[in-house]
């Protein structure tokens, strides 16, 4: 596989004198030195910032995804070096894998999924909003490293962060959305989630990324199918993306479990009840999901719920290792694929895939869907919608100077609304809260405040 076409950047980019780094190392450096990456330290992962100093933020989560992603990569390289040289040569460089994993969440707005739903409601008539799509937009257009080309990363990095290679307009189904209530922040979040997609505004970027594929590959790679959400969902992803996504799944399932146990949100009885076999499900009992992977859920519980925190940490590490070392590479099913990057995907074997999903179901039931977390998401949803409405009501009065310049240059109403959306989605939880208070609260804020 020729690396050259995947090392290309949208804008010509000359190396600095005596720079000995490869292109992937340059991508990695740009990412970790970017403001968008730094802002992840003050963005919600699952548990709202300020509740405790213990748990993960989007930044620490992204760092853990990068560590797990490179761990999966090393295991796959070890496994396939002598088993399948085609797969081995297709696997990414470690620096590239690091960069893709670190970048995967930089487009997510303040207040997690509450913020995403809020911006999707506000942008309903202007191309919607989806956090992964915003990641591509930041990397390729918004970041300040260049004027108009974002971080100007390599084609392969952009392909790696393209989790959903279909546009909003090609995946959205209007009848999948519920009614928008008034005020809009009262709309039911579950029925206002965006399709999994990239944003329409990035069509030119995605077309450039996919120029490295032949026409048959492109046509197959961007296909979507009906999803339970009611929208369409892309069917395929690239090899590098599949490693990143697997690392993300492992991280948020196990590390959110660790946080939840430490904070008392998941108890041993919760664990045991979740793992009990249902009478009508004996053949594929939940207990058997551990046994199928050579694990004992009771022994795992002994360490997870031990009074000694090091025992819990060691057990989480054992589980992470269990999933990392059971990753494998399988064909994507794209029959026309000649490019190795869309021919193969990293996956877990069926037993470990079911076990990881089972563990995540516990986290979802006891943490993500808990009233405390949902109340924080709802508060974030309300705050973001009302902040958007205020800024959109009188943009040249309320937006910062640099954003006003972008707003005035925007040629269409959709582009103008997208400028406001870009501004809000880039905020940290704390910045959004302070700006909201400054605009809406009579006794908060002064002209001397530095947000």
Foldseek 3Di string as FASTA:
>chain_A
DDCVQQLDFPDDDDDDPPDPDDQLLLLLVLQVPFPLLVLQQQADDQAHPPPDPPADTSNVLLQQLLVLLLLLLVLALVVCVPPPVLLNVQRDDSSLLSSLSSLQQSQFFHLGLLLQLLQQLVCVVQFGGDSLLSSLCQCQANTVPDHGGHVRGGLNSSLQSQLFAEEQVQWDDVVLADDQDPVRLPGDSLRRHGARHHTPVCPVVSVSSCVVDDPLLVVQQNDWDQDPSRTTTGQFGWASNQSSVLSSLLSCLLSLLLVCLVVVLAALVLLVVLQAADPVRVVPGSQVLQVVLVHGSVVLSCQCNPPDSVSNVVSSVVLSVSFSNQKYKDASPSVPDPRNGGGIYIDGPPSNVVNSVSSSVSSCVRRNPDPSSVVSSSVSNVLSNVVLVVCVVPVVVQPDPVLVVQLVPDDDPSSNSVSSVSVRRSHRNVVSVLSSCCVPPPPHDDPPDDD
